[in-house]
Amino acid sequence: MYFAEFFTIAVAHLLAVMSPGPDFAVTSRYAVRFGARLGCFIAIGIGTGILVHITYSLLGVALIIHRTEWLYQTLLVLASLYFIWLGWQAMRSPAVAQRIDLQAVTQTSVSNRKAFVIGFMTNALNPKATLFFLALFTTIIAPQTPTWVKGIYGVYMALATAAWFCLLAWLLGNPVVRQWLLAKGYWFDRVMGGFLWLLAAHLLWQWWQR
């Protein structure tokens, strides 16, 4: 009965997840720097962050945030500051040798818990995700759709998001790919950091214009 609605949601969500954004930048950076396993914890955190957006969308909080100017502006500033901090962490990463010990690099990585929190905060604070789910729940999902069905949609999107970024982490965390990106791509972290700073600048520009 709800297959057509679910299919539309799945396609819209897939296109949104695959588009470059903070989730992509953070997952890529940590997977390359510290390996696929840590990248997957980032991905799981991102997927869990989706549940935050799903929850407040179901409760109608997303609409309140969008219509309450100071709340939305606060979210823009918080997200900008967080992306600036993530970008700075990437920018200050030291250069590596042409041939490195991947196992040694992985062993000096951040904890799995910290990786999960970074992924979670990256998604949960993203105001673009707020607007996406607001549009999803007000235009694509019919008002008469039961709450439990909407909940299933939300769980699917959380799992699909985590799976997609785990796949990305696995691809970029492959030893051959990692070795090349770390040794030959000294500027990889800088590119990811610069991308996060551009996102932060875009959010601050939106805040300034409002």
N, C-alpha and C. Protein backbone atom coordinates (compact mmCIF):
# COMPACT_ATOMS: atom_id res chain seq x y z
N MET A 1 0.82 -1.21 0.00
CA MET A 1 0.00 0.00 0.00
C MET A 1 0.86 1.26 0.00
N TYR A 2 1.98 1.20 0.73
CA TYR A 2 2.85 2.36 0.84
C TYR A 2 4.11 2.20 0.00
N PHE A 3 4.11 1.23 -0.92
CA PHE A 3 5.33 0.94 -1.69
C PHE A 3 5.76 2.14 -2.53
N ALA A 4 4.82 2.78 -3.22
CA ALA A 4 5.16 3.92 -4.08
C ALA A 4 5.76 5.05 -3.26
N GLU A 5 5.19 5.31 -2.10
CA GLU A 5 5.70 6.36 -1.21
C GLU A 5 7.10 6.00 -0.73
N PHE A 6 7.27 4.74 -0.33
CA PHE A 6 8.58 4.29 0.15
C PHE A 6 9.63 4.38 -0.96
N PHE A 7 9.25 4.00 -2.17
CA PHE A 7 10.19 4.05 -3.30
C PHE A 7 10.64 5.49 -3.55
N THR A 8 9.72 6.43 -3.52
CA THR A 8 10.05 7.84 -3.72
C THR A 8 11.00 8.33 -2.64
N ILE A 9 10.71 7.95 -1.39
CA ILE A 9 11.56 8.34 -0.27
C ILE A 9 12.95 7.74 -0.42
N ALA A 10 13.01 6.47 -0.80
CA ALA A 10 14.30 5.79 -0.93
C ALA A 10 15.16 6.45 -2.00
N VAL A 11 14.57 6.82 -3.12
CA VAL A 11 15.32 7.46 -4.20
C VAL A 11 15.79 8.85 -3.77
N ALA A 12 14.90 9.64 -3.17
CA ALA A 12 15.26 10.98 -2.71
C ALA A 12 16.37 10.92 -1.66
N HIS A 13 16.26 9.96 -0.76
CA HIS A 13 17.26 9.81 0.29
C HIS A 13 18.60 9.38 -0.29
N LEU A 14 18.58 8.45 -1.25
CA LEU A 14 19.82 7.98 -1.86
C LEU A 14 20.54 9.13 -2.56
N LEU A 15 19.81 9.94 -3.29
CA LEU A 15 20.42 11.08 -3.98
C LEU A 15 21.01 12.08 -2.98
N ALA A 16 20.31 12.29 -1.87
CA ALA A 16 20.79 13.22 -0.84
C ALA A 16 22.05 12.69 -0.17
N VAL A 17 22.06 11.39 0.13
CA VAL A 17 23.20 10.79 0.82
C VAL A 17 24.44 10.76 -0.07
N MET A 18 24.24 10.52 -1.36
CA MET A 18 25.37 10.40 -2.28
C MET A 18 25.97 11.75 -2.66
N SER A 19 25.23 12.83 -2.44
CA SER A 19 25.75 14.16 -2.79
C SER A 19 26.82 14.58 -1.79
N PRO A 20 27.88 15.28 -2.25
CA PRO A 20 28.95 15.71 -1.35
C PRO A 20 28.43 16.61 -0.23
N GLY A 21 28.91 16.38 0.96
CA GLY A 21 28.50 17.15 2.12
C GLY A 21 29.40 16.85 3.29
N PRO A 22 29.09 17.36 4.46
CA PRO A 22 29.94 17.13 5.63
C PRO A 22 30.08 15.65 5.99
N ASP A 23 29.01 14.87 5.84
CA ASP A 23 29.09 13.44 6.15
C ASP A 23 30.12 12.76 5.25
N PHE A 24 30.09 13.10 3.98
CA PHE A 24 31.04 12.53 3.02
C PHE A 24 32.48 12.93 3.37
N ALA A 25 32.68 14.20 3.67
CA ALA A 25 34.02 14.71 3.96
C ALA A 25 34.60 14.06 5.21
N VAL A 26 33.81 13.97 6.26
CA VAL A 26 34.29 13.41 7.53
C VAL A 26 34.57 11.92 7.39
N THR A 27 33.67 11.18 6.76
CA THR A 27 33.89 9.75 6.57
C THR A 27 35.14 9.49 5.74
N SER A 28 35.31 10.24 4.66
CA SER A 28 36.47 10.07 3.79
C SER A 28 37.76 10.35 4.54
N ARG A 29 37.76 11.43 5.27
CA ARG A 29 38.98 11.84 5.96
C ARG A 29 39.42 10.80 6.99
N TYR A 30 38.48 10.32 7.82
CA TYR A 30 38.84 9.38 8.87
C TYR A 30 39.11 7.99 8.33
N ALA A 31 38.43 7.59 7.27
CA ALA A 31 38.68 6.27 6.68
C ALA A 31 40.07 6.21 6.07
N VAL A 32 40.46 7.27 5.39
CA VAL A 32 41.78 7.31 4.77
C VAL A 32 42.87 7.42 5.83
N ARG A 33 42.63 8.27 6.80
CA ARG A 33 43.66 8.53 7.81
C ARG A 33 43.82 7.36 8.78
N PHE A 34 42.72 6.74 9.18
CA PHE A 34 42.78 5.75 10.25
C PHE A 34 42.22 4.38 9.88
N GLY A 35 41.71 4.20 8.69
CA GLY A 35 41.28 2.88 8.26
C GLY A 35 39.77 2.72 8.17
N ALA A 36 39.38 1.64 7.49
CA ALA A 36 37.96 1.39 7.23
C ALA A 36 37.16 1.16 8.50
N ARG A 37 37.76 0.49 9.48
CA ARG A 37 37.03 0.17 10.72
C ARG A 37 36.58 1.44 11.43
N LEU A 38 37.49 2.39 11.56
CA LEU A 38 37.12 3.64 12.22
C LEU A 38 36.14 4.44 11.36
N GLY A 39 36.33 4.36 10.05
CA GLY A 39 35.39 5.02 9.16
C GLY A 39 33.98 4.49 9.30
N CYS A 40 33.87 3.18 9.59
CA CYS A 40 32.54 2.59 9.79
C CYS A 40 31.90 3.09 11.08
N PHE A 41 32.69 3.34 12.11
CA PHE A 41 32.13 3.91 13.33
C PHE A 41 31.65 5.34 13.08
N ILE A 42 32.37 6.08 12.23
CA ILE A 42 31.88 7.39 11.80
C ILE A 42 30.54 7.23 11.11
N ALA A 43 30.45 6.24 10.22
CA ALA A 43 29.22 6.00 9.45
C ALA A 43 28.05 5.62 10.34
N ILE A 44 28.31 4.79 11.34
CA ILE A 44 27.25 4.39 12.28
C ILE A 44 26.76 5.60 13.06
N GLY A 45 27.70 6.47 13.44
CA GLY A 45 27.31 7.71 14.12
C GLY A 45 26.46 8.60 13.24
N ILE A 46 26.81 8.68 11.96
CA ILE A 46 26.02 9.48 11.01
C ILE A 46 24.62 8.90 10.88
N GLY A 47 24.54 7.57 10.75
CA GLY A 47 23.23 6.92 10.66
C GLY A 47 22.38 7.16 11.89
N THR A 48 23.01 7.14 13.05
CA THR A 48 22.29 7.41 14.30
C THR A 48 21.82 8.86 14.35
N GLY A 49 22.65 9.76 13.82
CA GLY A 49 22.25 11.17 13.77
C GLY A 49 20.99 11.38 12.95
N ILE A 50 20.79 10.53 11.93
CA ILE A 50 19.57 10.60 11.12
C ILE A 50 18.34 10.42 12.00
N LEU A 51 18.45 9.54 13.00
CA LEU A 51 17.30 9.28 13.88
C LEU A 51 16.88 10.53 14.65
N VAL A 52 17.83 11.42 14.92
CA VAL A 52 17.49 12.68 15.59
C VAL A 52 16.56 13.50 14.70
N HIS A 53 16.92 13.61 13.42
CA HIS A 53 16.08 14.36 12.48
C HIS A 53 14.73 13.69 12.30
N ILE A 54 14.73 12.37 12.24
CA ILE A 54 13.47 11.62 12.09
C ILE A 54 12.56 11.88 13.28
N THR A 55 13.14 11.83 14.48
CA THR A 55 12.34 11.99 15.70
C THR A 55 11.69 13.36 15.76
N TYR A 56 12.48 14.43 15.56
CA TYR A 56 11.85 15.75 15.69
C TYR A 56 10.97 16.09 14.49
N SER A 57 11.18 15.40 13.36
CA SER A 57 10.26 15.59 12.24
C SER A 57 8.91 14.96 12.55
N LEU A 58 8.94 13.77 13.15
CA LEU A 58 7.70 13.10 13.54
C LEU A 58 6.94 13.90 14.59
N LEU A 59 7.69 14.57 15.47
CA LEU A 59 7.07 15.36 16.54
C LEU A 59 6.69 16.77 16.08
N GLY A 60 7.06 17.12 14.86
CA GLY A 60 6.75 18.45 14.35
C GLY A 60 7.75 19.51 14.78
N VAL A 61 8.84 19.08 15.42
CA VAL A 61 9.83 20.05 15.91
C VAL A 61 10.59 20.69 14.74
N ALA A 62 10.79 19.93 13.66
CA ALA A 62 11.52 20.47 12.51
C ALA A 62 10.83 21.71 11.96
N LEU A 63 9.52 21.66 11.89
CA LEU A 63 8.75 22.81 11.39
C LEU A 63 8.89 24.00 12.33
N ILE A 64 8.91 23.71 13.64
CA ILE A 64 9.08 24.78 14.64
C ILE A 64 10.44 25.43 14.48
N ILE A 65 11.49 24.60 14.30
CA ILE A 65 12.84 25.12 14.14
C ILE A 65 12.92 26.01 12.90
N HIS A 66 12.31 25.54 11.82
CA HIS A 66 12.38 26.29 10.57
C HIS A 66 11.64 27.62 10.67
N ARG A 67 10.55 27.64 11.40
CA ARG A 67 9.73 28.85 11.49
C ARG A 67 10.14 29.77 12.64
N THR A 68 10.95 29.28 13.58
CA THR A 68 11.43 30.10 14.69
C THR A 68 12.82 30.60 14.32
N GLU A 69 12.91 31.86 13.97
CA GLU A 69 14.12 32.42 13.39
C GLU A 69 15.35 32.22 14.26
N TRP A 70 15.25 32.53 15.54
CA TRP A 70 16.44 32.47 16.40
C TRP A 70 16.91 31.03 16.60
N LEU A 71 15.99 30.08 16.60
CA LEU A 71 16.38 28.67 16.73
C LEU A 71 17.16 28.21 15.51
N TYR A 72 16.65 28.56 14.35
CA TYR A 72 17.32 28.15 13.12
C TYR A 72 18.67 28.84 12.97
N GLN A 73 18.75 30.12 13.34
CA GLN A 73 20.02 30.83 13.26
C GLN A 73 21.04 30.24 14.23
N THR A 74 20.58 29.84 15.41
CA THR A 74 21.47 29.20 16.38
C THR A 74 22.02 27.90 15.82
N LEU A 75 21.16 27.12 15.17
CA LEU A 75 21.59 25.86 14.56
C LEU A 75 22.61 26.11 13.46
N LEU A 76 22.41 27.15 12.66
CA LEU A 76 23.36 27.49 11.61
C LEU A 76 24.74 27.82 12.19
N VAL A 77 24.76 28.61 13.26
CA VAL A 77 26.03 29.01 13.87
C VAL A 77 26.73 27.81 14.51
N LEU A 78 25.98 26.99 15.25
CA LEU A 78 26.57 25.81 15.90
C LEU A 78 27.16 24.86 14.87
N ALA A 79 26.42 24.62 13.80
CA ALA A 79 26.91 23.74 12.75
C ALA A 79 28.16 24.32 12.10
N SER A 80 28.16 25.63 11.86
CA SER A 80 29.32 26.28 11.25
C SER A 80 30.56 26.14 12.12
N LEU A 81 30.41 26.39 13.41
CA LEU A 81 31.54 26.28 14.33
C LEU A 81 32.06 24.86 14.40
N TYR A 82 31.16 23.89 14.39
CA TYR A 82 31.58 22.49 14.45
C TYR A 82 32.32 22.10 13.18
N PHE A 83 31.83 22.54 12.02
CA PHE A 83 32.51 22.22 10.76
C PHE A 83 33.86 22.91 10.68
N ILE A 84 33.96 24.12 11.23
CA ILE A 84 35.25 24.82 11.27
C ILE A 84 36.24 24.03 12.11
N TRP A 85 35.78 23.52 13.25
CA TRP A 85 36.65 22.72 14.12
C TRP A 85 37.10 21.44 13.42
N LEU A 86 36.18 20.75 12.75
CA LEU A 86 36.54 19.54 12.01
C LEU A 86 37.53 19.85 10.90
N GLY A 87 37.30 20.97 10.21
CA GLY A 87 38.22 21.37 9.16
C GLY A 87 39.61 21.68 9.69
N TRP A 88 39.66 22.31 10.86
CA TRP A 88 40.95 22.62 11.48
C TRP A 88 41.68 21.35 11.86
N GLN A 89 40.96 20.35 12.38
CA GLN A 89 41.58 19.07 12.71
C GLN A 89 42.20 18.43 11.48
N ALA A 90 41.53 18.57 10.34
CA ALA A 90 42.07 18.01 9.10
C ALA A 90 43.26 18.82 8.61
N MET A 91 43.17 20.14 8.68
CA MET A 91 44.23 21.01 8.18
C MET A 91 45.54 20.83 8.95
N ARG A 92 45.45 20.54 10.24
CA ARG A 92 46.66 20.45 11.06
C ARG A 92 47.25 19.05 11.07
N SER A 93 46.70 18.13 10.28
CA SER A 93 47.25 16.78 10.21
C SER A 93 48.66 16.85 9.63
N PRO A 94 49.62 16.13 10.23
CA PRO A 94 50.99 16.19 9.75
C PRO A 94 51.16 15.47 8.42
N ALA A 95 52.18 15.87 7.70
CA ALA A 95 52.51 15.17 6.46
C ALA A 95 53.02 13.78 6.79
N VAL A 96 52.91 12.87 5.84
CA VAL A 96 53.36 11.50 6.06
C VAL A 96 54.44 11.16 5.04
N ALA A 97 55.18 10.11 5.35
CA ALA A 97 56.26 9.68 4.47
C ALA A 97 55.69 9.06 3.20
N GLN A 98 56.57 8.89 2.20
CA GLN A 98 56.12 8.29 0.95
C GLN A 98 55.67 6.84 1.15
N ARG A 99 56.28 6.15 2.09
CA ARG A 99 55.87 4.77 2.39
C ARG A 99 55.63 4.70 3.89
N ILE A 100 54.44 4.36 4.31
CA ILE A 100 54.10 4.40 5.72
C ILE A 100 53.62 3.05 6.19
N ASP A 101 53.68 2.85 7.49
CA ASP A 101 53.17 1.64 8.13
C ASP A 101 51.70 1.87 8.47
N LEU A 102 50.80 1.30 7.67
CA LEU A 102 49.38 1.53 7.88
C LEU A 102 48.92 1.04 9.23
N GLN A 103 49.50 -0.08 9.69
CA GLN A 103 49.09 -0.62 10.99
C GLN A 103 49.45 0.33 12.11
N ALA A 104 50.63 0.95 12.00
CA ALA A 104 51.05 1.90 13.04
C ALA A 104 50.15 3.13 13.05
N VAL A 105 49.78 3.60 11.86
CA VAL A 105 48.88 4.76 11.78
C VAL A 105 47.53 4.43 12.39
N THR A 106 47.01 3.25 12.07
CA THR A 106 45.71 2.83 12.58
C THR A 106 45.72 2.71 14.10
N GLN A 107 46.84 2.20 14.65
CA GLN A 107 46.92 2.02 16.10
C GLN A 107 46.97 3.35 16.85
N THR A 108 47.33 4.43 16.16
CA THR A 108 47.37 5.74 16.81
C THR A 108 46.08 6.52 16.56
N SER A 109 45.08 5.83 16.07
CA SER A 109 43.84 6.51 15.72
C SER A 109 43.05 6.91 16.96
N VAL A 110 42.00 7.69 16.72
CA VAL A 110 41.08 8.06 17.79
C VAL A 110 40.26 6.83 18.16
N SER A 111 39.60 6.88 19.30
CA SER A 111 38.83 5.74 19.76
C SER A 111 37.57 5.55 18.92
N ASN A 112 37.04 4.33 18.96
CA ASN A 112 35.80 4.04 18.24
C ASN A 112 34.66 4.92 18.75
N ARG A 113 34.64 5.12 20.06
CA ARG A 113 33.59 5.94 20.66
C ARG A 113 33.66 7.38 20.16
N LYS A 114 34.87 7.92 20.11
CA LYS A 114 35.02 9.30 19.64
C LYS A 114 34.62 9.41 18.17
N ALA A 115 34.98 8.40 17.38
CA ALA A 115 34.60 8.39 15.97
C ALA A 115 33.08 8.39 15.82
N PHE A 116 32.41 7.58 16.63
CA PHE A 116 30.95 7.53 16.60
C PHE A 116 30.36 8.89 16.93
N VAL A 117 30.89 9.54 17.96
CA VAL A 117 30.38 10.85 18.38
C VAL A 117 30.60 11.89 17.29
N ILE A 118 31.77 11.85 16.65
CA ILE A 118 32.05 12.80 15.56
C ILE A 118 31.05 12.62 14.43
N GLY A 119 30.80 11.37 14.05
CA GLY A 119 29.82 11.10 13.00
C GLY A 119 28.43 11.55 13.39
N PHE A 120 28.06 11.25 14.63
CA PHE A 120 26.73 11.62 15.13
C PHE A 120 26.54 13.14 15.12
N MET A 121 27.51 13.87 15.66
CA MET A 121 27.40 15.32 15.74
C MET A 121 27.41 15.96 14.35
N THR A 122 28.21 15.40 13.45
CA THR A 122 28.29 15.95 12.09
C THR A 122 26.92 15.94 11.42
N ASN A 123 26.19 14.84 11.58
CA ASN A 123 24.87 14.75 10.95
C ASN A 123 23.79 15.47 11.75
N ALA A 124 23.80 15.27 13.06
CA ALA A 124 22.73 15.83 13.90
C ALA A 124 22.72 17.36 13.88
N LEU A 125 23.89 17.98 13.70
CA LEU A 125 23.96 19.44 13.70
C LEU A 125 23.80 20.05 12.31
N ASN A 126 23.68 19.22 11.30
CA ASN A 126 23.62 19.72 9.92
C ASN A 126 22.24 20.31 9.62
N PRO A 127 22.14 21.63 9.44
CA PRO A 127 20.83 22.24 9.17
C PRO A 127 20.27 21.84 7.81
N LYS A 128 21.15 21.44 6.89
CA LYS A 128 20.67 20.98 5.59
C LYS A 128 19.85 19.70 5.75
N ALA A 129 20.28 18.85 6.68
CA ALA A 129 19.51 17.63 6.96
C ALA A 129 18.15 17.98 7.55
N THR A 130 18.13 19.01 8.39
CA THR A 130 16.86 19.47 8.96
C THR A 130 15.87 19.85 7.87
N LEU A 131 16.35 20.63 6.90
CA LEU A 131 15.48 21.08 5.81
C LEU A 131 15.07 19.91 4.92
N PHE A 132 15.99 18.96 4.70
CA PHE A 132 15.67 17.80 3.86
C PHE A 132 14.53 16.99 4.46
N PHE A 133 14.64 16.69 5.75
CA PHE A 133 13.60 15.87 6.38
C PHE A 133 12.30 16.65 6.57
N LEU A 134 12.42 17.96 6.74
CA LEU A 134 11.21 18.78 6.79
C LEU A 134 10.46 18.69 5.46
N ALA A 135 11.19 18.80 4.35
CA ALA A 135 10.57 18.69 3.03
C ALA A 135 10.01 17.29 2.81
N LEU A 136 10.75 16.30 3.28
CA LEU A 136 10.33 14.90 3.11
C LEU A 136 9.01 14.63 3.81
N PHE A 137 8.91 15.09 5.04
CA PHE A 137 7.73 14.79 5.85
C PHE A 137 6.54 15.70 5.55
N THR A 138 6.77 16.77 4.79
CA THR A 138 5.66 17.67 4.48
C THR A 138 5.19 17.59 3.03
N THR A 139 6.03 17.04 2.15
CA THR A 139 5.65 17.00 0.73
C THR A 139 5.53 15.59 0.17
N ILE A 140 6.47 14.72 0.52
CA ILE A 140 6.47 13.37 -0.06
C ILE A 140 5.61 12.41 0.74
N ILE A 141 5.75 12.46 2.06
CA ILE A 141 4.99 11.56 2.92
C ILE A 141 3.60 12.14 3.16
N ALA A 142 2.59 11.38 2.84
CA ALA A 142 1.21 11.85 2.98
C ALA A 142 0.84 12.05 4.44
N PRO A 143 0.04 13.06 4.75
CA PRO A 143 -0.37 13.32 6.14
C PRO A 143 -1.09 12.13 6.78
N GLN A 144 -1.80 11.36 5.99
CA GLN A 144 -2.56 10.23 6.54
C GLN A 144 -1.71 8.98 6.75
N THR A 145 -0.45 9.03 6.35
CA THR A 145 0.43 7.87 6.58
C THR A 145 0.61 7.67 8.08
N PRO A 146 0.37 6.46 8.60
CA PRO A 146 0.47 6.21 10.04
C PRO A 146 1.87 6.50 10.57
N THR A 147 1.93 6.89 11.83
CA THR A 147 3.21 7.22 12.45
C THR A 147 4.16 6.03 12.45
N TRP A 148 3.62 4.82 12.67
CA TRP A 148 4.49 3.65 12.70
C TRP A 148 5.12 3.38 11.33
N VAL A 149 4.42 3.71 10.26
CA VAL A 149 4.98 3.57 8.92
C VAL A 149 6.09 4.60 8.71
N LYS A 150 5.84 5.83 9.17
CA LYS A 150 6.86 6.87 9.08
C LYS A 150 8.10 6.45 9.87
N GLY A 151 7.87 5.81 11.01
CA GLY A 151 8.99 5.32 11.81
C GLY A 151 9.81 4.29 11.06
N ILE A 152 9.13 3.41 10.31
CA ILE A 152 9.84 2.41 9.50
C ILE A 152 10.66 3.10 8.42
N TYR A 153 10.08 4.12 7.80
CA TYR A 153 10.83 4.91 6.82
C TYR A 153 12.11 5.47 7.46
N GLY A 154 11.95 6.00 8.67
CA GLY A 154 13.09 6.60 9.35
C GLY A 154 14.18 5.60 9.67
N VAL A 155 13.79 4.43 10.16
CA VAL A 155 14.77 3.38 10.47
C VAL A 155 15.49 2.95 9.20
N TYR A 156 14.73 2.81 8.12
CA TYR A 156 15.36 2.45 6.84
C TYR A 156 16.41 3.48 6.44
N MET A 157 16.05 4.77 6.52
CA MET A 157 16.99 5.82 6.10
C MET A 157 18.22 5.86 6.99
N ALA A 158 18.05 5.59 8.28
CA ALA A 158 19.20 5.54 9.18
C ALA A 158 20.13 4.39 8.81
N LEU A 159 19.55 3.21 8.58
CA LEU A 159 20.35 2.03 8.22
C LEU A 159 21.00 2.21 6.85
N ALA A 160 20.23 2.76 5.90
CA ALA A 160 20.77 2.96 4.55
C ALA A 160 21.91 3.97 4.56
N THR A 161 21.77 5.01 5.37
CA THR A 161 22.84 6.01 5.49
C THR A 161 24.10 5.39 6.06
N ALA A 162 23.96 4.64 7.16
CA ALA A 162 25.11 3.99 7.77
C ALA A 162 25.76 3.01 6.79
N ALA A 163 24.95 2.26 6.06
CA ALA A 163 25.47 1.28 5.10
C ALA A 163 26.24 1.96 3.97
N TRP A 164 25.70 3.07 3.46
CA TRP A 164 26.36 3.78 2.37
C TRP A 164 27.72 4.31 2.80
N PHE A 165 27.78 4.93 3.96
CA PHE A 165 29.05 5.50 4.40
C PHE A 165 30.03 4.43 4.89
N CYS A 166 29.51 3.28 5.35
CA CYS A 166 30.39 2.15 5.65
C CYS A 166 31.03 1.64 4.36
N LEU A 167 30.24 1.60 3.29
CA LEU A 167 30.78 1.19 1.99
C LEU A 167 31.85 2.17 1.53
N LEU A 168 31.59 3.46 1.70
CA LEU A 168 32.58 4.47 1.34
C LEU A 168 33.85 4.30 2.16
N ALA A 169 33.68 4.06 3.47
CA ALA A 169 34.83 3.85 4.35
C ALA A 169 35.62 2.61 3.95
N TRP A 170 34.91 1.56 3.57
CA TRP A 170 35.56 0.32 3.16
C TRP A 170 36.36 0.53 1.88
N LEU A 171 35.79 1.28 0.93
CA LEU A 171 36.48 1.53 -0.34
C LEU A 171 37.73 2.39 -0.13
N LEU A 172 37.58 3.47 0.64
CA LEU A 172 38.71 4.37 0.86
C LEU A 172 39.70 3.81 1.88
N GLY A 173 39.22 2.88 2.74
CA GLY A 173 40.08 2.28 3.74
C GLY A 173 40.85 1.08 3.25
N ASN A 174 40.64 0.70 1.99
CA ASN A 174 41.41 -0.39 1.40
C ASN A 174 42.90 -0.06 1.49
N PRO A 175 43.74 -1.01 1.93
CA PRO A 175 45.16 -0.71 2.14
C PRO A 175 45.85 -0.06 0.94
N VAL A 176 45.55 -0.54 -0.27
CA VAL A 176 46.19 0.03 -1.46
C VAL A 176 45.76 1.48 -1.67
N VAL A 177 44.46 1.71 -1.53
CA VAL A 177 43.93 3.07 -1.70
C VAL A 177 44.46 3.99 -0.61
N ARG A 178 44.46 3.50 0.63
CA ARG A 178 44.96 4.31 1.75
C ARG A 178 46.42 4.68 1.55
N GLN A 179 47.22 3.68 1.17
CA GLN A 179 48.65 3.93 0.98
C GLN A 179 48.88 5.01 -0.07
N TRP A 180 48.12 4.95 -1.16
CA TRP A 180 48.29 5.93 -2.22
C TRP A 180 47.84 7.31 -1.77
N LEU A 181 46.66 7.38 -1.12
CA LEU A 181 46.13 8.68 -0.70
C LEU A 181 46.97 9.31 0.39
N LEU A 182 47.51 8.48 1.29
CA LEU A 182 48.32 9.02 2.38
C LEU A 182 49.71 9.43 1.89
N ALA A 183 50.30 8.60 1.02
CA ALA A 183 51.66 8.86 0.57
C ALA A 183 51.71 9.84 -0.60
N LYS A 184 50.85 9.64 -1.57
CA LYS A 184 50.86 10.50 -2.76
C LYS A 184 49.93 11.70 -2.61
N GLY A 185 48.93 11.53 -1.80
CA GLY A 185 47.94 12.61 -1.66
C GLY A 185 48.10 13.35 -0.34
N TYR A 186 49.23 14.04 -0.18
CA TYR A 186 49.48 14.78 1.05
C TYR A 186 48.38 15.81 1.30
N TRP A 187 47.79 16.30 0.22
CA TRP A 187 46.79 17.36 0.35
C TRP A 187 45.39 16.83 0.56
N PHE A 188 45.23 15.50 0.70
CA PHE A 188 43.88 14.95 0.86
C PHE A 188 43.18 15.53 2.08
N ASP A 189 43.87 15.52 3.23
CA ASP A 189 43.28 16.09 4.44
C ASP A 189 42.98 17.57 4.27
N ARG A 190 43.88 18.26 3.56
CA ARG A 190 43.66 19.69 3.34
C ARG A 190 42.43 19.94 2.47
N VAL A 191 42.24 19.10 1.48
CA VAL A 191 41.07 19.24 0.61
C VAL A 191 39.79 19.01 1.41
N MET A 192 39.80 17.94 2.23
CA MET A 192 38.62 17.65 3.05
C MET A 192 38.38 18.76 4.07
N GLY A 193 39.48 19.26 4.67
CA GLY A 193 39.34 20.36 5.62
C GLY A 193 38.83 21.62 4.96
N GLY A 194 39.36 21.92 3.77
CA GLY A 194 38.89 23.09 3.03
C GLY A 194 37.43 22.97 2.63
N PHE A 195 37.01 21.75 2.28
CA PHE A 195 35.62 21.53 1.92
C PHE A 195 34.71 21.80 3.11
N LEU A 196 35.12 21.34 4.29
CA LEU A 196 34.34 21.59 5.50
C LEU A 196 34.28 23.08 5.82
N TRP A 197 35.39 23.78 5.59
CA TRP A 197 35.40 25.23 5.82
C TRP A 197 34.48 25.95 4.83
N LEU A 198 34.43 25.47 3.60
CA LEU A 198 33.51 26.06 2.62
C LEU A 198 32.06 25.86 3.04
N LEU A 199 31.76 24.66 3.56
CA LEU A 199 30.41 24.41 4.06
C LEU A 199 30.09 25.33 5.23
N ALA A 200 31.07 25.51 6.12
CA ALA A 200 30.87 26.40 7.27
C ALA A 200 30.65 27.83 6.79
N ALA A 201 31.44 28.26 5.81
CA ALA A 201 31.29 29.62 5.27
C ALA A 201 29.91 29.80 4.63
N HIS A 202 29.44 28.77 3.94
CA HIS A 202 28.12 28.83 3.32
C HIS A 202 27.03 28.99 4.37
N LEU A 203 27.15 28.23 5.46
CA LEU A 203 26.15 28.32 6.53
C LEU A 203 26.20 29.69 7.21
N LEU A 204 27.42 30.20 7.43
CA LEU A 204 27.55 31.52 8.05
C LEU A 204 27.00 32.61 7.13
N TRP A 205 27.17 32.44 5.83
CA TRP A 205 26.61 33.40 4.88
C TRP A 205 25.09 33.38 4.93
N GLN A 206 24.52 32.18 5.05
CA GLN A 206 23.07 32.07 5.21
C GLN A 206 22.63 32.77 6.48
N TRP A 207 23.39 32.55 7.56
CA TRP A 207 23.06 33.19 8.85
C TRP A 207 23.12 34.71 8.72
N TRP A 208 24.15 35.21 8.04
CA TRP A 208 24.32 36.65 7.88
C TRP A 208 23.19 37.26 7.06
N GLN A 209 22.76 36.56 6.02
CA GLN A 209 21.70 37.07 5.16
C GLN A 209 20.34 37.10 5.85
N ARG A 210 20.15 36.21 6.82
CA ARG A 210 18.87 36.16 7.51
C ARG A 210 18.75 37.30 8.51
